[in-house]
Amino acid sequence: MGESNAEHIQKKYDTEIFSLLTTIWGENLHMGLFEDPDEPFDTATERATATMAADVRFKQGQRVIEAACGIGGTARHLARTFGVAVEATNISAMQLDRGRELTDHAGLGHLIRFSYADYHELPFADASFDVWWCQEAMLYAPDKERVVREALRVVRPGGRLVLSDLLFDAAMPEAEREPFMQRHGARHFWTIAQYDDLLARLGPRILVRRDWGRHVLPTFESVTTRFIAKREEFAAKTSVAEVDTVVARLAMQRDAARLGRLGWAYYLIAA
């Protein structure tokens, strides 16, 4: 039997090198929304999360499910800022453990629960949540329609879906897409047009749609530079080969962004 999608993702994330990479990305592990390309990367990533959260108009006590929660940076932001209860889900045991550790340290364990769940098949009842949230993780989903249908199922009528994803721009040549995905380690990149088509077919009302593609380049320039600065330190903890593999992958993403071949989109959807 071949490796499943979940096994592929777990193999990528449950590693020491990825744990080190999170120290570069920060707790959010997400793209940055830059007002100035030279501003601190953490400021830009925090702005992206805060911008999306402001559109939702959270109310204290609401229930949120975060799909593919990383190490819980977004969950902690939402719980701390709005007093919402977050079910933070992931398929990476290492990330779930690190998320619990950071959340307990922040004194937010009473508002956030971490649990294993594949966003293709959520183990929660219909209409269990007020908001479903997923940031830059759908590029790992082989069946995006199923993921969105699950999101619509577990969110109550009148609730909200928050979705952002790293994308292929139309400028990415077809012949280069598969090799890029193989090197990136994410097998299911889409374009914004494909997301538009899916949402039009499923029929939920789109409240906000933003093309944030111009922020992809400063994100990968910043992350690549920061990682290279830590190269020797990280190589001592893992290996030169592992570190150089990550540097090459980040540089590939940076270079694709320079050519306008990567995009980033955000949707706020009414359930």
C-alpha atoms as a PDB file:
ATOM      1  CA  MET A   1       0.000   0.000   0.000  1.00  0.00           C
ATOM      2  CA  GLY A   2       1.165   3.539  -0.745  1.00  0.00           C
ATOM      3  CA  GLU A   3       1.599   6.247   1.840  1.00  0.00           C
ATOM      4  CA  SER A   4      -1.677   7.950   2.750  1.00  0.00           C
ATOM      5  CA  ASN A   5      -2.065  11.717   2.671  1.00  0.00           C
ATOM      6  CA  ALA A   6      -2.245  11.854   6.479  1.00  0.00           C
ATOM      7  CA  GLU A   7       0.897   9.722   6.820  1.00  0.00           C
ATOM      8  CA  HIS A   8       2.707  11.972   4.351  1.00  0.00           C
ATOM      9  CA  ILE A   9       1.814  15.081   6.369  1.00  0.00           C
ATOM     10  CA  GLN A  10       2.701  13.472   9.696  1.00  0.00           C
ATOM     11  CA  LYS A  11       6.082  12.410   8.319  1.00  0.00           C
ATOM     12  CA  LYS A  12       6.767  16.014   7.333  1.00  0.00           C
ATOM     13  CA  TYR A  13       5.630  17.707  10.544  1.00  0.00           C
ATOM     14  CA  ASP A  14       6.543  15.236  13.283  1.00  0.00           C
ATOM     15  CA  THR A  15      10.252  15.883  12.858  1.00  0.00           C
ATOM     16  CA  GLU A  16      12.963  17.786  14.672  1.00  0.00           C
ATOM     17  CA  ILE A  17      13.757  19.923  11.632  1.00  0.00           C
ATOM     18  CA  PHE A  18      10.177  21.112  11.376  1.00  0.00           C
ATOM     19  CA  SER A  19      10.164  21.866  15.101  1.00  0.00           C
ATOM     20  CA  LEU A  20      13.187  24.085  14.484  1.00  0.00           C
ATOM     21  CA  LEU A  21      11.455  25.696  11.515  1.00  0.00           C
ATOM     22  CA  THR A  22       8.601  26.772  13.774  1.00  0.00           C
ATOM     23  CA  THR A  23      11.052  28.916  15.717  1.00  0.00           C
ATOM     24  CA  ILE A  24      11.528  30.885  12.494  1.00  0.00           C
ATOM     25  CA  TRP A  25       7.865  31.127  11.506  1.00  0.00           C
ATOM     26  CA  GLY A  26       6.744  31.945  15.055  1.00  0.00           C
ATOM     27  CA  GLU A  27       3.673  30.618  16.837  1.00  0.00           C
ATOM     28  CA  ASN A  28       1.326  31.454  13.969  1.00  0.00           C
ATOM     29  CA  LEU A  29       3.088  29.392  11.265  1.00  0.00           C
ATOM     30  CA  HIS A  30       1.243  31.501   8.704  1.00  0.00           C
ATOM     31  CA  MET A  31       1.706  34.041   5.945  1.00  0.00           C
ATOM     32  CA  GLY A  32       2.310  37.676   6.771  1.00  0.00           C
ATOM     33  CA  LEU A  33       0.163  40.655   5.798  1.00  0.00           C
ATOM     34  CA  PHE A  34       2.742  43.402   5.305  1.00  0.00           C
ATOM     35  CA  GLU A  35       2.193  47.154   5.432  1.00  0.00           C
ATOM     36  CA  ASP A  36       5.904  47.566   4.714  1.00  0.00           C
ATOM     37  CA  PRO A  37       8.055  44.777   3.188  1.00  0.00           C
ATOM     38  CA  ASP A  38      10.783  45.556   5.732  1.00  0.00           C
ATOM     39  CA  GLU A  39       8.638  45.409   8.856  1.00  0.00           C
ATOM     40  CA  PRO A  40       9.108  42.554  11.386  1.00  0.00           C
ATOM     41  CA  PHE A  41       7.746  39.252  10.146  1.00  0.00           C
ATOM     42  CA  ASP A  42       5.918  38.524  13.425  1.00  0.00           C
ATOM     43  CA  THR A  43       4.058  41.825  13.094  1.00  0.00           C
ATOM     44  CA  ALA A  44       2.888  40.871   9.607  1.00  0.00           C
ATOM     45  CA  THR A  45       1.694  37.387  10.593  1.00  0.00           C
ATOM     46  CA  GLU A  46      -0.155  38.751  13.595  1.00  0.00           C
ATOM     47  CA  ARG A  47      -1.813  41.358  11.365  1.00  0.00           C
ATOM     48  CA  ALA A  48      -3.099  38.658   9.009  1.00  0.00           C
ATOM     49  CA  THR A  49      -4.759  36.738  11.829  1.00  0.00           C
ATOM     50  CA  ALA A  50      -6.129  39.895  13.427  1.00  0.00           C
ATOM     51  CA  THR A  51      -7.546  41.130  10.107  1.00  0.00           C
ATOM     52  CA  MET A  52      -9.448  37.907   9.503  1.00  0.00           C
ATOM     53  CA  ALA A  53     -10.642  37.774  13.097  1.00  0.00           C
ATOM     54  CA  ALA A  54     -11.959  41.344  12.911  1.00  0.00           C
ATOM     55  CA  ASP A  55     -14.106  40.384   9.919  1.00  0.00           C
ATOM     56  CA  VAL A  56     -15.724  37.552  11.893  1.00  0.00           C
ATOM     57  CA  ARG A  57     -16.877  39.881  14.707  1.00  0.00           C
ATOM     58  CA  PHE A  58     -16.470  37.291  17.438  1.00  0.00           C
ATOM     59  CA  LYS A  59     -18.586  37.318  20.563  1.00  0.00           C
ATOM     60  CA  GLN A  60     -17.343  36.084  23.912  1.00  0.00           C
ATOM     61  CA  GLY A  61     -18.297  32.481  24.607  1.00  0.00           C
ATOM     62  CA  GLN A  62     -18.628  31.405  20.988  1.00  0.00           C
ATOM     63  CA  ARG A  63     -17.289  27.995  19.986  1.00  0.00           C
ATOM     64  CA  VAL A  64     -14.592  27.831  17.314  1.00  0.00           C
ATOM     65  CA  ILE A  65     -13.026  24.861  15.569  1.00  0.00           C
ATOM     66  CA  GLU A  66      -9.623  25.418  14.045  1.00  0.00           C
ATOM     67  CA  ALA A  67      -8.707  22.863  11.385  1.00  0.00           C
ATOM     68  CA  ALA A  68      -4.970  22.136  11.039  1.00  0.00           C
ATOM     69  CA  CYS A  69      -4.114  24.295  14.043  1.00  0.00           C
ATOM     70  CA  GLY A  70      -0.324  24.021  13.925  1.00  0.00           C
ATOM     71  CA  ILE A  71       1.054  24.680  17.394  1.00  0.00           C
ATOM     72  CA  GLY A  72      -1.963  26.734  18.407  1.00  0.00           C
ATOM     73  CA  GLY A  73      -0.841  30.303  17.813  1.00  0.00           C
ATOM     74  CA  THR A  74      -4.117  31.333  16.194  1.00  0.00           C
ATOM     75  CA  ALA A  75      -6.184  29.468  18.781  1.00  0.00           C
ATOM     76  CA  ARG A  76      -4.398  31.337  21.558  1.00  0.00           C
ATOM     77  CA  HIS A  77      -4.896  34.667  19.803  1.00  0.00           C
ATOM     78  CA  LEU A  78      -8.629  34.073  19.424  1.00  0.00           C
ATOM     79  CA  ALA A  79      -9.101  32.807  22.983  1.00  0.00           C
ATOM     80  CA  ARG A  80      -7.028  35.598  24.534  1.00  0.00           C
ATOM     81  CA  THR A  81      -8.508  38.402  22.451  1.00  0.00           C
ATOM     82  CA  PHE A  82     -12.172  37.425  22.251  1.00  0.00           C
ATOM     83  CA  GLY A  83     -12.793  34.937  25.059  1.00  0.00           C
ATOM     84  CA  VAL A  84     -13.961  32.229  22.650  1.00  0.00           C
ATOM     85  CA  ALA A  85     -13.631  28.488  23.270  1.00  0.00           C
ATOM     86  CA  VAL A  86     -11.439  26.820  20.635  1.00  0.00           C
ATOM     87  CA  GLU A  87     -11.289  23.178  19.579  1.00  0.00           C
ATOM     88  CA  ALA A  88      -7.812  23.125  18.021  1.00  0.00           C
ATOM     89  CA  THR A  89      -7.463  20.108  15.729  1.00  0.00           C
ATOM     90  CA  ASN A  90      -4.524  18.616  13.876  1.00  0.00           C
ATOM     91  CA  ILE A  91      -3.098  15.288  12.682  1.00  0.00           C
ATOM     92  CA  SER A  92       0.456  15.994  13.891  1.00  0.00           C
ATOM     93  CA  ALA A  93       1.088  14.558  17.363  1.00  0.00           C
ATOM     94  CA  MET A  94       4.193  16.719  17.800  1.00  0.00           C
ATOM     95  CA  GLN A  95       2.314  19.914  17.008  1.00  0.00           C
ATOM     96  CA  LEU A  96      -0.596  18.985  19.281  1.00  0.00           C
ATOM     97  CA  ASP A  97       1.788  18.307  22.173  1.00  0.00           C
ATOM     98  CA  ARG A  98       3.648  21.570  21.608  1.00  0.00           C
ATOM     99  CA  GLY A  99       0.355  23.430  21.325  1.00  0.00           C
ATOM    100  CA  ARG A 100      -0.844  22.085  24.683  1.00  0.00           C
ATOM    101  CA  GLU A 101       2.468  23.025  26.304  1.00  0.00           C
ATOM    102  CA  LEU A 102       2.391  26.602  25.010  1.00  0.00           C
ATOM    103  CA  THR A 103      -1.293  26.991  25.834  1.00  0.00           C
ATOM    104  CA  ASP A 104      -0.867  25.794  29.410  1.00  0.00           C
ATOM    105  CA  HIS A 105       2.074  28.170  29.813  1.00  0.00           C
ATOM    106  CA  ALA A 106      -0.124  31.019  28.553  1.00  0.00           C
ATOM    107  CA  GLY A 107      -2.852  30.150  31.063  1.00  0.00           C
ATOM    108  CA  LEU A 108      -5.419  29.463  28.324  1.00  0.00           C
ATOM    109  CA  GLY A 109      -6.022  25.767  28.873  1.00  0.00           C
ATOM    110  CA  HIS A 110      -9.539  26.477  30.106  1.00  0.00           C
ATOM    111  CA  LEU A 111     -10.483  27.937  26.710  1.00  0.00           C
ATOM    112  CA  ILE A 112      -8.556  25.724  24.262  1.00  0.00           C
ATOM    113  CA  ARG A 113      -8.674  21.970  23.764  1.00  0.00           C
ATOM    114  CA  PHE A 114      -6.288  20.214  21.398  1.00  0.00           C
ATOM    115  CA  SER A 115      -7.450  17.059  19.661  1.00  0.00           C
ATOM    116  CA  TYR A 116      -6.581  14.799  16.773  1.00  0.00           C
ATOM    117  CA  ALA A 117      -8.874  15.263  13.781  1.00  0.00           C
ATOM    118  CA  ASP A 118      -8.566  15.078  10.008  1.00  0.00           C
ATOM    119  CA  TYR A 119     -10.440  17.992   8.458  1.00  0.00           C
ATOM    120  CA  HIS A 120     -11.839  15.652   5.809  1.00  0.00           C
ATOM    121  CA  GLU A 121     -13.854  13.821   8.469  1.00  0.00           C
ATOM    122  CA  LEU A 122     -14.405  15.776  11.668  1.00  0.00           C
ATOM    123  CA  PRO A 123     -15.536  13.802  14.747  1.00  0.00           C
ATOM    124  CA  PHE A 124     -18.069  16.417  15.842  1.00  0.00           C
ATOM    125  CA  ALA A 125     -21.836  16.690  15.644  1.00  0.00           C
ATOM    126  CA  ASP A 126     -23.684  18.867  13.164  1.00  0.00           C
ATOM    127  CA  ALA A 127     -23.948  22.564  14.080  1.00  0.00           C
ATOM    128  CA  SER A 128     -21.478  22.179  16.974  1.00  0.00           C
ATOM    129  CA  PHE A 129     -19.567  25.415  16.373  1.00  0.00           C
ATOM    130  CA  ASP A 130     -20.074  29.071  15.600  1.00  0.00           C
ATOM    131  CA  VAL A 131     -16.920  29.415  13.485  1.00  0.00           C
ATOM    132  CA  TRP A 132     -14.665  27.082  11.473  1.00  0.00           C
ATOM    133  CA  TRP A 133     -11.158  28.438  10.850  1.00  0.00           C
ATOM    134  CA  CYS A 134      -8.380  27.132   8.567  1.00  0.00           C
ATOM    135  CA  GLN A 135      -5.260  29.110   7.640  1.00  0.00           C
ATOM    136  CA  GLU A 136      -2.870  28.022   4.874  1.00  0.00           C
ATOM    137  CA  ALA A 137      -3.488  24.306   5.324  1.00  0.00           C
ATOM    138  CA  MET A 138      -5.823  23.354   2.495  1.00  0.00           C
ATOM    139  CA  LEU A 139      -2.862  22.890   0.141  1.00  0.00           C
ATOM    140  CA  TYR A 140      -2.484  19.532   1.912  1.00  0.00           C
ATOM    141  CA  ALA A 141      -6.112  18.487   1.298  1.00  0.00           C
ATOM    142  CA  PRO A 142      -6.658  16.033  -1.582  1.00  0.00           C
ATOM    143  CA  ASP A 143     -10.445  16.513  -1.388  1.00  0.00           C
ATOM    144  CA  LYS A 144     -11.129  20.191  -0.757  1.00  0.00           C
ATOM    145  CA  GLU A 145     -14.823  19.860  -1.474  1.00  0.00           C
ATOM    146  CA  ARG A 146     -15.141  17.305   1.314  1.00  0.00           C
ATOM    147  CA  VAL A 147     -13.264  19.597   3.713  1.00  0.00           C
ATOM    148  CA  VAL A 148     -15.575  22.525   2.963  1.00  0.00           C
ATOM    149  CA  ARG A 149     -18.661  20.321   3.255  1.00  0.00           C
ATOM    150  CA  GLU A 150     -17.443  19.133   6.655  1.00  0.00           C
ATOM    151  CA  ALA A 151     -16.895  22.738   7.701  1.00  0.00           C
ATOM    152  CA  LEU A 152     -20.429  23.656   6.655  1.00  0.00           C
ATOM    153  CA  ARG A 153     -21.779  20.620   8.492  1.00  0.00           C
ATOM    154  CA  VAL A 154     -20.194  21.338  11.875  1.00  0.00           C
ATOM    155  CA  VAL A 155     -20.951  25.083  11.869  1.00  0.00           C
ATOM    156  CA  ARG A 156     -24.402  26.238  12.898  1.00  0.00           C
ATOM    157  CA  PRO A 157     -26.617  28.091  10.393  1.00  0.00           C
ATOM    158  CA  GLY A 158     -25.596  31.743  10.476  1.00  0.00           C
ATOM    159  CA  GLY A 159     -22.058  30.880  11.561  1.00  0.00           C
ATOM    160  CA  ARG A 160     -18.860  31.673   9.713  1.00  0.00           C
ATOM    161  CA  LEU A 161     -16.086  29.875   7.845  1.00  0.00           C
ATOM    162  CA  VAL A 162     -12.639  31.493   7.687  1.00  0.00           C
ATOM    163  CA  LEU A 163     -10.405  30.083   4.966  1.00  0.00           C
ATOM    164  CA  SER A 164      -7.034  31.233   3.658  1.00  0.00           C
ATOM    165  CA  ASP A 165      -4.592  29.297   1.525  1.00  0.00           C
ATOM    166  CA  LEU A 166      -1.279  29.496  -0.306  1.00  0.00           C
ATOM    167  CA  LEU A 167      -1.972  29.087  -4.023  1.00  0.00           C
ATOM    168  CA  PHE A 168      -0.586  28.723  -7.481  1.00  0.00           C
ATOM    169  CA  ASP A 169      -0.982  31.904  -9.470  1.00  0.00           C
ATOM    170  CA  ALA A 170      -2.177  31.493 -13.043  1.00  0.00           C
ATOM    171  CA  ALA A 171       1.366  32.509 -14.050  1.00  0.00           C
ATOM    172  CA  MET A 172       2.753  29.194 -12.747  1.00  0.00           C
ATOM    173  CA  PRO A 173       3.371  27.072 -15.883  1.00  0.00           C
ATOM    174  CA  GLU A 174       1.426  23.820 -15.891  1.00  0.00           C
ATOM    175  CA  ALA A 175       4.595  21.818 -16.542  1.00  0.00           C
ATOM    176  CA  GLU A 176       6.222  23.211 -13.382  1.00  0.00           C
ATOM    177  CA  ARG A 177       3.331  22.650 -10.986  1.00  0.00           C
ATOM    178  CA  GLU A 178       3.827  18.976 -10.204  1.00  0.00           C
ATOM    179  CA  PRO A 179       7.614  19.260  -9.665  1.00  0.00           C
ATOM    180  CA  PHE A 180       7.031  22.264  -7.401  1.00  0.00           C
ATOM    181  CA  MET A 181       4.485  20.380  -5.284  1.00  0.00           C
ATOM    182  CA  GLN A 182       6.771  17.378  -4.964  1.00  0.00           C
ATOM    183  CA  ARG A 183       9.670  19.528  -3.733  1.00  0.00           C
ATOM    184  CA  HIS A 184       7.418  21.591  -1.478  1.00  0.00           C
ATOM    185  CA  GLY A 185       5.934  18.502   0.163  1.00  0.00           C
ATOM    186  CA  ALA A 186       2.352  19.684  -0.364  1.00  0.00           C
ATOM    187  CA  ARG A 187       0.618  17.789  -3.138  1.00  0.00           C
ATOM    188  CA  HIS A 188      -2.616  19.711  -3.577  1.00  0.00           C
ATOM    189  CA  PHE A 189      -2.033  23.360  -4.479  1.00  0.00           C
ATOM    190  CA  TRP A 190      -4.970  25.123  -6.110  1.00  0.00           C
ATOM    191  CA  THR A 191      -5.507  28.452  -7.848  1.00  0.00           C
ATOM    192  CA  ILE A 192      -7.894  31.146  -6.651  1.00  0.00           C
ATOM    193  CA  ALA A 193     -10.094  30.363  -9.659  1.00  0.00           C
ATOM    194  CA  GLN A 194     -10.499  26.777  -8.455  1.00  0.00           C
ATOM    195  CA  TYR A 195     -11.587  27.993  -5.009  1.00  0.00           C
ATOM    196  CA  ASP A 196     -14.015  30.432  -6.610  1.00  0.00           C
ATOM    197  CA  ASP A 197     -15.488  27.607  -8.694  1.00  0.00           C
ATOM    198  CA  LEU A 198     -15.827  25.253  -5.711  1.00  0.00           C
ATOM    199  CA  LEU A 199     -17.560  27.829  -3.529  1.00  0.00           C
ATOM    200  CA  ALA A 200     -19.862  28.869  -6.375  1.00  0.00           C
ATOM    201  CA  ARG A 201     -20.838  25.230  -6.879  1.00  0.00           C
ATOM    202  CA  LEU A 202     -21.450  24.552  -3.180  1.00  0.00           C
ATOM    203  CA  GLY A 203     -23.406  27.761  -2.845  1.00  0.00           C
ATOM    204  CA  PRO A 204     -22.458  29.374   0.489  1.00  0.00           C
ATOM    205  CA  ARG A 205     -22.487  33.169   0.543  1.00  0.00           C
ATOM    206  CA  ILE A 206     -19.029  34.722   0.366  1.00  0.00           C
ATOM    207  CA  LEU A 207     -18.894  37.731   2.674  1.00  0.00           C
ATOM    208  CA  VAL A 208     -15.261  38.672   2.088  1.00  0.00           C
ATOM    209  CA  ARG A 209     -12.833  37.611  -0.659  1.00  0.00           C
ATOM    210  CA  ARG A 210      -9.332  39.032  -0.699  1.00  0.00           C
ATOM    211  CA  ASP A 211      -6.442  38.333  -3.025  1.00  0.00           C
ATOM    212  CA  TRP A 212      -3.327  38.812  -0.887  1.00  0.00           C
ATOM    213  CA  GLY A 213      -0.850  37.510  -3.441  1.00  0.00           C
ATOM    214  CA  ARG A 214       1.471  40.522  -3.193  1.00  0.00           C
ATOM    215  CA  HIS A 215       2.338  39.521   0.385  1.00  0.00           C
ATOM    216  CA  VAL A 216       3.727  36.106  -0.557  1.00  0.00           C
ATOM    217  CA  LEU A 217       7.146  37.419  -1.599  1.00  0.00           C
ATOM    218  CA  PRO A 218       7.934  39.381   1.590  1.00  0.00           C
ATOM    219  CA  THR A 219       6.788  36.367   3.617  1.00  0.00           C
ATOM    220  CA  PHE A 220       9.193  33.941   1.965  1.00  0.00           C
ATOM    221  CA  GLU A 221      12.015  36.477   1.745  1.00  0.00           C
ATOM    222  CA  SER A 222      11.762  37.005   5.486  1.00  0.00           C
ATOM    223  CA  VAL A 223      11.471  33.321   6.414  1.00  0.00           C
ATOM    224  CA  THR A 224      14.315  32.288   4.102  1.00  0.00           C
ATOM    225  CA  THR A 225      16.641  34.957   5.447  1.00  0.00           C
ATOM    226  CA  ARG A 226      15.815  34.094   9.058  1.00  0.00           C
ATOM    227  CA  PHE A 227      16.335  30.382   8.495  1.00  0.00           C
ATOM    228  CA  ILE A 228      19.674  30.819   6.731  1.00  0.00           C
ATOM    229  CA  ALA A 229      20.882  32.956   9.646  1.00  0.00           C
ATOM    230  CA  LYS A 230      20.270  29.942  11.922  1.00  0.00           C
ATOM    231  CA  ARG A 231      21.785  27.394   9.529  1.00  0.00           C
ATOM    232  CA  GLU A 232      24.793  26.373  11.634  1.00  0.00           C
ATOM    233  CA  GLU A 233      22.790  26.253  14.862  1.00  0.00           C
ATOM    234  CA  PHE A 234      20.105  24.066  13.282  1.00  0.00           C
ATOM    235  CA  ALA A 235      22.618  21.798  11.531  1.00  0.00           C
ATOM    236  CA  ALA A 236      24.209  21.031  14.897  1.00  0.00           C
ATOM    237  CA  LYS A 237      20.821  19.844  16.178  1.00  0.00           C
ATOM    238  CA  THR A 238      19.846  17.827  13.110  1.00  0.00           C
ATOM    239  CA  SER A 239      22.177  17.548  10.105  1.00  0.00           C
ATOM    240  CA  VAL A 240      23.628  19.716   7.375  1.00  0.00           C
ATOM    241  CA  ALA A 241      21.674  17.728   4.771  1.00  0.00           C
ATOM    242  CA  GLU A 242      18.320  18.317   6.489  1.00  0.00           C
ATOM    243  CA  VAL A 243      18.976  22.013   6.922  1.00  0.00           C
ATOM    244  CA  ASP A 244      20.085  22.441   3.326  1.00  0.00           C
ATOM    245  CA  THR A 245      16.944  20.654   2.126  1.00  0.00           C
ATOM    246  CA  VAL A 246      14.783  23.169   3.987  1.00  0.00           C
ATOM    247  CA  VAL A 247      16.851  26.106   2.713  1.00  0.00           C
ATOM    248  CA  ALA A 248      16.425  24.864  -0.860  1.00  0.00           C
ATOM    249  CA  ARG A 249      12.664  24.487  -0.404  1.00  0.00           C
ATOM    250  CA  LEU A 250      12.270  27.959   1.093  1.00  0.00           C
ATOM    251  CA  ALA A 251      14.412  29.469  -1.657  1.00  0.00           C
ATOM    252  CA  MET A 252      12.262  27.701  -4.252  1.00  0.00           C
ATOM    253  CA  GLN A 253       9.132  29.279  -2.766  1.00  0.00           C
ATOM    254  CA  ARG A 254      10.807  32.688  -2.561  1.00  0.00           C
ATOM    255  CA  ASP A 255      11.953  32.483  -6.182  1.00  0.00           C
ATOM    256  CA  ALA A 256       8.496  31.373  -7.375  1.00  0.00           C
ATOM    257  CA  ALA A 257       7.000  34.336  -5.536  1.00  0.00           C
ATOM    258  CA  ARG A 258       9.496  36.684  -7.211  1.00  0.00           C
ATOM    259  CA  LEU A 259       8.209  35.430 -10.560  1.00  0.00           C
ATOM    260  CA  GLY A 260       4.597  36.040  -9.506  1.00  0.00           C
ATOM    261  CA  ARG A 261       3.809  32.333  -9.567  1.00  0.00           C
ATOM    262  CA  LEU A 262       2.435  31.976  -6.024  1.00  0.00           C
ATOM    263  CA  GLY A 263      -0.715  33.517  -4.608  1.00  0.00           C
ATOM    264  CA  TRP A 264      -2.566  33.792  -1.323  1.00  0.00           C
ATOM    265  CA  ALA A 265      -6.308  34.207  -0.861  1.00  0.00           C
ATOM    266  CA  TYR A 266      -8.660  34.705   2.063  1.00  0.00           C
ATOM    267  CA  TYR A 267     -12.407  34.045   2.237  1.00  0.00           C
ATOM    268  CA  LEU A 268     -14.998  34.725   4.906  1.00  0.00           C
ATOM    269  CA  ILE A 269     -18.011  32.522   4.216  1.00  0.00           C
ATOM    270  CA  ALA A 270     -21.499  32.451   5.717  1.00  0.00           C
ATOM    271  CA  ALA A 271     -22.666  29.004   6.841  1.00  0.00           C
END
